[in-house]
Amino acid sequence: MTASGMTAKAEDFRLMSYLAADLRRSQVVLHGTADGLSGLRLWLGALSPRFWPVLLCRLAHGLYQWKLSPLAKVLSMLNFFFFGIEIAVRCPIGKGLFLPHTQGTVIGAWSIGENVTIFQGVTLGAKEVDFSYRESSRPIVEDGVIIGSGAKVLGGLTLGFGSRIGANAVVLNDIAPGLLAVGIPAKVVERTPSDHAM
């Protein structure tokens, strides 16, 4: 087998493992557990309209990595057309992505970690027009972050591990791990995230 063939097989396996993790996380969020979830029942979860946008974004990113950008953009446009979500094909997203609702969401982050939840109407992107897609102008979202509906996260900043962004917040600066940011512009509040509705 050629090196390119082995790389393609590795990428296929990686894609399947990411999709399985996305499905498992959606079951945990929706039902409180994934215990006893058989392979068949897990993959039946792929029929959920919450999962299709994740599937399309994973496929689009895979095609982008395989240097098939035109096809990646077609899948990205399908996501936009059917689900109202625009996701940059070059944005790497960790396992366990959950999108409870998608309409009006724009994901133009530099990178997104594992087990991130992004509600509807969220914008992750640059403060200014940035078609060159520079790291210095795009947010980095670390593992375990929850971004509430309507939030805007703009510029070259970092949302730290396990941080929470409240609904309709406008985040223009880094948010440290584990903290909750709310308001316009967003400010960290000292109370625990569980004290606030997202």
C-alpha atoms as a PDB file:
ATOM      1  CA  MET A   1       0.000   0.000   0.000  1.00  0.00           C
ATOM      2  CA  THR A   2       1.293   3.476  -0.868  1.00  0.00           C
ATOM      3  CA  ALA A   3       1.951   6.170   1.734  1.00  0.00           C
ATOM      4  CA  SER A   4      -0.941   8.247   0.368  1.00  0.00           C
ATOM      5  CA  GLY A   5      -3.253   5.225   0.653  1.00  0.00           C
ATOM      6  CA  MET A   6      -2.236   4.689   4.282  1.00  0.00           C
ATOM      7  CA  THR A   7      -2.783   8.397   5.004  1.00  0.00           C
ATOM      8  CA  ALA A   8      -6.266   8.251   3.462  1.00  0.00           C
ATOM      9  CA  LYS A   9      -7.146   5.193   5.603  1.00  0.00           C
ATOM     10  CA  ALA A  10      -5.868   6.933   8.740  1.00  0.00           C
ATOM     11  CA  GLU A  11      -7.945  10.024   7.911  1.00  0.00           C
ATOM     12  CA  ASP A  12     -11.041   7.855   7.296  1.00  0.00           C
ATOM     13  CA  PHE A  13     -10.569   6.205  10.707  1.00  0.00           C
ATOM     14  CA  ARG A  14     -10.043   9.580  12.346  1.00  0.00           C
ATOM     15  CA  LEU A  15     -13.228  10.932  10.762  1.00  0.00           C
ATOM     16  CA  MET A  16     -15.244   7.946  11.987  1.00  0.00           C
ATOM     17  CA  SER A  17     -13.843   8.237  15.519  1.00  0.00           C
ATOM     18  CA  TYR A  18     -14.712  11.954  15.598  1.00  0.00           C
ATOM     19  CA  LEU A  19     -18.251  11.289  14.361  1.00  0.00           C
ATOM     20  CA  ALA A  20     -18.725   8.534  16.945  1.00  0.00           C
ATOM     21  CA  ALA A  21     -17.547  10.913  19.692  1.00  0.00           C
ATOM     22  CA  ASP A  22     -19.925  13.620  18.404  1.00  0.00           C
ATOM     23  CA  LEU A  23     -22.842  11.161  18.459  1.00  0.00           C
ATOM     24  CA  ARG A  24     -21.952   9.868  21.919  1.00  0.00           C
ATOM     25  CA  ARG A  25     -21.731  13.406  23.324  1.00  0.00           C
ATOM     26  CA  SER A  26     -25.086  14.368  21.812  1.00  0.00           C
ATOM     27  CA  GLN A  27     -26.660  11.355  23.549  1.00  0.00           C
ATOM     28  CA  VAL A  28     -25.094  12.353  26.865  1.00  0.00           C
ATOM     29  CA  VAL A  29     -26.315  15.957  26.542  1.00  0.00           C
ATOM     30  CA  LEU A  30     -29.806  15.004  25.374  1.00  0.00           C
ATOM     31  CA  HIS A  31     -30.403  11.956  27.588  1.00  0.00           C
ATOM     32  CA  GLY A  32     -27.990  12.373  30.475  1.00  0.00           C
ATOM     33  CA  THR A  33     -25.993   9.239  29.682  1.00  0.00           C
ATOM     34  CA  ALA A  34     -24.564   7.142  26.895  1.00  0.00           C
ATOM     35  CA  ASP A  35     -24.268   4.041  29.101  1.00  0.00           C
ATOM     36  CA  GLY A  36     -25.370   0.873  27.386  1.00  0.00           C
ATOM     37  CA  LEU A  37     -25.553   2.627  24.038  1.00  0.00           C
ATOM     38  CA  SER A  38     -25.011  -0.050  21.407  1.00  0.00           C
ATOM     39  CA  GLY A  39     -23.227   0.647  18.134  1.00  0.00           C
ATOM     40  CA  LEU A  40     -26.500   0.435  16.183  1.00  0.00           C
ATOM     41  CA  ARG A  41     -28.391   2.739  18.541  1.00  0.00           C
ATOM     42  CA  LEU A  42     -25.480   5.166  18.564  1.00  0.00           C
ATOM     43  CA  TRP A  43     -25.424   5.388  14.775  1.00  0.00           C
ATOM     44  CA  LEU A  44     -29.227   5.733  14.623  1.00  0.00           C
ATOM     45  CA  GLY A  45     -28.590   9.020  16.413  1.00  0.00           C
ATOM     46  CA  ALA A  46     -27.087  10.165  13.127  1.00  0.00           C
ATOM     47  CA  LEU A  47     -30.658  10.655  11.893  1.00  0.00           C
ATOM     48  CA  SER A  48     -31.103  13.576  14.301  1.00  0.00           C
ATOM     49  CA  PRO A  49     -31.250  17.034  12.696  1.00  0.00           C
ATOM     50  CA  ARG A  50     -28.821  18.153  15.411  1.00  0.00           C
ATOM     51  CA  PHE A  51     -26.208  15.783  14.031  1.00  0.00           C
ATOM     52  CA  TRP A  52     -26.384  16.490  10.289  1.00  0.00           C
ATOM     53  CA  PRO A  53     -24.682  19.915  10.497  1.00  0.00           C
ATOM     54  CA  VAL A  54     -21.841  18.312  12.484  1.00  0.00           C
ATOM     55  CA  LEU A  55     -21.549  15.535   9.893  1.00  0.00           C
ATOM     56  CA  LEU A  56     -21.394  18.048   7.027  1.00  0.00           C
ATOM     57  CA  CYS A  57     -18.770  20.150   8.808  1.00  0.00           C
ATOM     58  CA  ARG A  58     -16.625  17.071   9.517  1.00  0.00           C
ATOM     59  CA  LEU A  59     -16.840  15.937   5.889  1.00  0.00           C
ATOM     60  CA  ALA A  60     -16.070  19.445   4.608  1.00  0.00           C
ATOM     61  CA  HIS A  61     -13.009  19.736   6.863  1.00  0.00           C
ATOM     62  CA  GLY A  62     -11.842  16.282   5.783  1.00  0.00           C
ATOM     63  CA  LEU A  63     -12.112  17.252   2.119  1.00  0.00           C
ATOM     64  CA  TYR A  64     -10.217  20.475   2.857  1.00  0.00           C
ATOM     65  CA  GLN A  65      -7.413  18.461   4.472  1.00  0.00           C
ATOM     66  CA  TRP A  66      -7.339  16.134   1.459  1.00  0.00           C
ATOM     67  CA  LYS A  67      -6.764  19.228  -0.745  1.00  0.00           C
ATOM     68  CA  LEU A  68     -10.264  19.039  -2.232  1.00  0.00           C
ATOM     69  CA  SER A  69     -11.280  22.602  -1.330  1.00  0.00           C
ATOM     70  CA  PRO A  70     -13.960  23.012  -4.046  1.00  0.00           C
ATOM     71  CA  LEU A  71     -15.843  19.944  -2.762  1.00  0.00           C
ATOM     72  CA  ALA A  72     -15.347  21.095   0.835  1.00  0.00           C
ATOM     73  CA  LYS A  73     -16.959  24.426  -0.042  1.00  0.00           C
ATOM     74  CA  VAL A  74     -19.917  22.659  -1.667  1.00  0.00           C
ATOM     75  CA  LEU A  75     -20.611  20.737   1.555  1.00  0.00           C
ATOM     76  CA  SER A  76     -20.163  23.912   3.556  1.00  0.00           C
ATOM     77  CA  MET A  77     -22.752  25.624   1.354  1.00  0.00           C
ATOM     78  CA  LEU A  78     -25.168  22.734   1.913  1.00  0.00           C
ATOM     79  CA  ASN A  79     -24.764  23.270   5.644  1.00  0.00           C
ATOM     80  CA  PHE A  80     -25.519  26.954   5.169  1.00  0.00           C
ATOM     81  CA  PHE A  81     -28.496  26.328   2.888  1.00  0.00           C
ATOM     82  CA  PHE A  82     -30.188  23.568   4.905  1.00  0.00           C
ATOM     83  CA  PHE A  83     -29.210  24.402   8.484  1.00  0.00           C
ATOM     84  CA  GLY A  84     -28.370  28.123   8.474  1.00  0.00           C
ATOM     85  CA  ILE A  85     -24.863  27.488   9.763  1.00  0.00           C
ATOM     86  CA  GLU A  86     -21.666  28.763   8.179  1.00  0.00           C
ATOM     87  CA  ILE A  87     -18.505  26.924   9.243  1.00  0.00           C
ATOM     88  CA  ALA A  88     -15.063  27.700   7.868  1.00  0.00           C
ATOM     89  CA  VAL A  89     -13.818  24.490   6.254  1.00  0.00           C
ATOM     90  CA  ARG A  90     -10.284  25.077   7.524  1.00  0.00           C
ATOM     91  CA  CYS A  91     -11.279  25.362  11.208  1.00  0.00           C
ATOM     92  CA  PRO A  92     -10.179  22.211  13.093  1.00  0.00           C
ATOM     93  CA  ILE A  93     -12.800  21.095  15.620  1.00  0.00           C
ATOM     94  CA  GLY A  94     -12.145  18.552  18.358  1.00  0.00           C
ATOM     95  CA  LYS A  95     -14.289  15.538  19.196  1.00  0.00           C
ATOM     96  CA  GLY A  96     -17.672  15.905  20.871  1.00  0.00           C
ATOM     97  CA  LEU A  97     -19.010  19.008  19.107  1.00  0.00           C
ATOM     98  CA  PHE A  98     -22.674  19.622  20.004  1.00  0.00           C
ATOM     99  CA  LEU A  99     -24.946  22.080  18.182  1.00  0.00           C
ATOM    100  CA  PRO A 100     -28.363  22.062  19.906  1.00  0.00           C
ATOM    101  CA  HIS A 101     -29.706  24.458  17.266  1.00  0.00           C
ATOM    102  CA  THR A 102     -27.902  26.004  14.307  1.00  0.00           C
ATOM    103  CA  GLN A 103     -29.806  28.843  12.641  1.00  0.00           C
ATOM    104  CA  GLY A 104     -27.754  31.997  12.155  1.00  0.00           C
ATOM    105  CA  THR A 105     -24.512  30.511  13.471  1.00  0.00           C
ATOM    106  CA  VAL A 106     -21.165  31.544  11.967  1.00  0.00           C
ATOM    107  CA  ILE A 107     -18.060  29.586  12.978  1.00  0.00           C
ATOM    108  CA  GLY A 108     -14.880  31.222  11.751  1.00  0.00           C
ATOM    109  CA  ALA A 109     -12.640  30.388  14.702  1.00  0.00           C
ATOM    110  CA  TRP A 110      -8.972  29.510  14.391  1.00  0.00           C
ATOM    111  CA  SER A 111      -9.584  26.264  16.290  1.00  0.00           C
ATOM    112  CA  ILE A 112     -12.172  24.638  18.533  1.00  0.00           C
ATOM    113  CA  GLY A 113     -11.364  22.054  21.197  1.00  0.00           C
ATOM    114  CA  GLU A 114     -13.190  18.945  22.370  1.00  0.00           C
ATOM    115  CA  ASN A 115     -16.674  18.756  23.924  1.00  0.00           C
ATOM    116  CA  VAL A 116     -17.693  22.266  22.928  1.00  0.00           C
ATOM    117  CA  THR A 117     -21.363  23.322  22.801  1.00  0.00           C
ATOM    118  CA  ILE A 118     -22.388  26.149  20.485  1.00  0.00           C
ATOM    119  CA  PHE A 119     -25.983  27.405  20.554  1.00  0.00           C
ATOM    120  CA  GLN A 120     -27.852  29.179  17.748  1.00  0.00           C
ATOM    121  CA  GLY A 121     -27.017  32.659  16.506  1.00  0.00           C
ATOM    122  CA  VAL A 122     -23.410  32.510  17.679  1.00  0.00           C
ATOM    123  CA  THR A 123     -20.645  34.261  15.735  1.00  0.00           C
ATOM    124  CA  LEU A 124     -17.016  33.207  16.160  1.00  0.00           C
ATOM    125  CA  GLY A 125     -14.798  35.292  13.911  1.00  0.00           C
ATOM    126  CA  ALA A 126     -12.655  38.307  13.199  1.00  0.00           C
ATOM    127  CA  LYS A 127     -13.368  41.899  14.211  1.00  0.00           C
ATOM    128  CA  GLU A 128     -12.674  43.045  10.661  1.00  0.00           C
ATOM    129  CA  VAL A 129     -12.909  41.543   7.184  1.00  0.00           C
ATOM    130  CA  ASP A 130     -10.341  38.727   7.140  1.00  0.00           C
ATOM    131  CA  PHE A 131     -10.567  36.578   4.034  1.00  0.00           C
ATOM    132  CA  SER A 132      -6.901  35.584   4.446  1.00  0.00           C
ATOM    133  CA  TYR A 133      -7.919  33.769   7.654  1.00  0.00           C
ATOM    134  CA  ARG A 134      -5.121  34.882  10.008  1.00  0.00           C
ATOM    135  CA  GLU A 135      -4.618  33.270  13.425  1.00  0.00           C
ATOM    136  CA  SER A 136      -4.064  36.684  15.003  1.00  0.00           C
ATOM    137  CA  SER A 137      -7.603  37.781  14.131  1.00  0.00           C
ATOM    138  CA  ARG A 138      -9.587  34.629  14.984  1.00  0.00           C
ATOM    139  CA  PRO A 139     -10.700  33.160  18.334  1.00  0.00           C
ATOM    140  CA  ILE A 140      -9.367  29.953  19.834  1.00  0.00           C
ATOM    141  CA  VAL A 141     -11.964  27.923  21.754  1.00  0.00           C
ATOM    142  CA  GLU A 142     -10.499  25.430  24.223  1.00  0.00           C
ATOM    143  CA  ASP A 143     -12.050  22.165  25.464  1.00  0.00           C
ATOM    144  CA  GLY A 144     -15.370  22.094  27.309  1.00  0.00           C
ATOM    145  CA  VAL A 145     -16.535  25.611  26.425  1.00  0.00           C
ATOM    146  CA  ILE A 146     -20.266  26.450  26.222  1.00  0.00           C
ATOM    147  CA  ILE A 147     -21.278  29.436  24.091  1.00  0.00           C
ATOM    148  CA  GLY A 148     -24.822  30.699  24.703  1.00  0.00           C
ATOM    149  CA  SER A 149     -27.275  31.716  21.982  1.00  0.00           C
ATOM    150  CA  GLY A 150     -26.585  34.968  20.175  1.00  0.00           C
ATOM    151  CA  ALA A 151     -23.090  35.405  21.614  1.00  0.00           C
ATOM    152  CA  LYS A 152     -20.424  37.100  19.509  1.00  0.00           C
ATOM    153  CA  VAL A 153     -16.780  36.123  20.072  1.00  0.00           C
ATOM    154  CA  LEU A 154     -14.565  38.387  17.984  1.00  0.00           C
ATOM    155  CA  GLY A 155     -10.846  38.729  17.378  1.00  0.00           C
ATOM    156  CA  GLY A 156      -7.655  36.886  18.260  1.00  0.00           C
ATOM    157  CA  LEU A 157      -8.631  35.812  21.756  1.00  0.00           C
ATOM    158  CA  THR A 158      -8.898  32.591  23.732  1.00  0.00           C
ATOM    159  CA  LEU A 159     -11.897  31.110  25.523  1.00  0.00           C
ATOM    160  CA  GLY A 160     -10.229  29.038  28.224  1.00  0.00           C
ATOM    161  CA  PHE A 161     -10.966  25.453  29.195  1.00  0.00           C
ATOM    162  CA  GLY A 162     -14.499  25.025  30.561  1.00  0.00           C
ATOM    163  CA  SER A 163     -15.405  28.699  30.268  1.00  0.00           C
ATOM    164  CA  ARG A 164     -19.018  29.765  29.662  1.00  0.00           C
ATOM    165  CA  ILE A 165     -20.251  32.585  27.467  1.00  0.00           C
ATOM    166  CA  GLY A 166     -23.721  33.889  28.305  1.00  0.00           C
ATOM    167  CA  ALA A 167     -26.465  34.490  25.767  1.00  0.00           C
ATOM    168  CA  ASN A 168     -25.976  37.624  23.631  1.00  0.00           C
ATOM    169  CA  ALA A 169     -22.609  38.415  25.198  1.00  0.00           C
ATOM    170  CA  VAL A 170     -20.033  40.210  23.035  1.00  0.00           C
ATOM    171  CA  VAL A 171     -16.592  38.842  23.889  1.00  0.00           C
ATOM    172  CA  LEU A 172     -13.602  40.951  22.817  1.00  0.00           C
ATOM    173  CA  ASN A 173     -10.942  39.711  25.275  1.00  0.00           C
ATOM    174  CA  ASP A 174      -9.611  36.400  26.605  1.00  0.00           C
ATOM    175  CA  ILE A 175     -11.797  34.533  29.084  1.00  0.00           C
ATOM    176  CA  ALA A 176      -9.850  32.524  31.652  1.00  0.00           C
ATOM    177  CA  PRO A 177     -10.593  28.821  32.185  1.00  0.00           C
ATOM    178  CA  GLY A 178     -13.751  27.949  34.107  1.00  0.00           C
ATOM    179  CA  LEU A 179     -15.219  31.460  34.236  1.00  0.00           C
ATOM    180  CA  LEU A 180     -18.553  32.836  33.027  1.00  0.00           C
ATOM    181  CA  ALA A 181     -18.647  35.974  30.858  1.00  0.00           C
ATOM    182  CA  VAL A 182     -21.841  37.946  30.235  1.00  0.00           C
ATOM    183  CA  GLY A 183     -22.861  41.344  28.855  1.00  0.00           C
ATOM    184  CA  ILE A 184     -21.876  43.816  26.157  1.00  0.00           C
ATOM    185  CA  PRO A 185     -18.933  44.013  26.175  1.00  0.00           C
ATOM    186  CA  ALA A 186     -18.600  40.741  28.063  1.00  0.00           C
ATOM    187  CA  LYS A 187     -17.295  40.851  31.608  1.00  0.00           C
ATOM    188  CA  VAL A 188     -16.472  37.948  33.886  1.00  0.00           C
ATOM    189  CA  VAL A 189     -18.901  37.412  36.746  1.00  0.00           C
ATOM    190  CA  GLU A 190     -17.646  35.821  39.917  1.00  0.00           C
ATOM    191  CA  ARG A 191     -20.540  33.472  40.612  1.00  0.00           C
ATOM    192  CA  THR A 192     -20.337  29.894  39.392  1.00  0.00           C
ATOM    193  CA  PRO A 193     -21.706  29.069  35.940  1.00  0.00           C
ATOM    194  CA  SER A 194     -24.463  26.920  37.458  1.00  0.00           C
ATOM    195  CA  ASP A 195     -26.013  30.060  38.968  1.00  0.00           C
ATOM    196  CA  HIS A 196     -26.842  31.408  35.512  1.00  0.00           C
ATOM    197  CA  ALA A 197     -29.100  30.296  32.699  1.00  0.00           C
ATOM    198  CA  MET A 198     -27.418  30.110  29.336  1.00  0.00           C
END
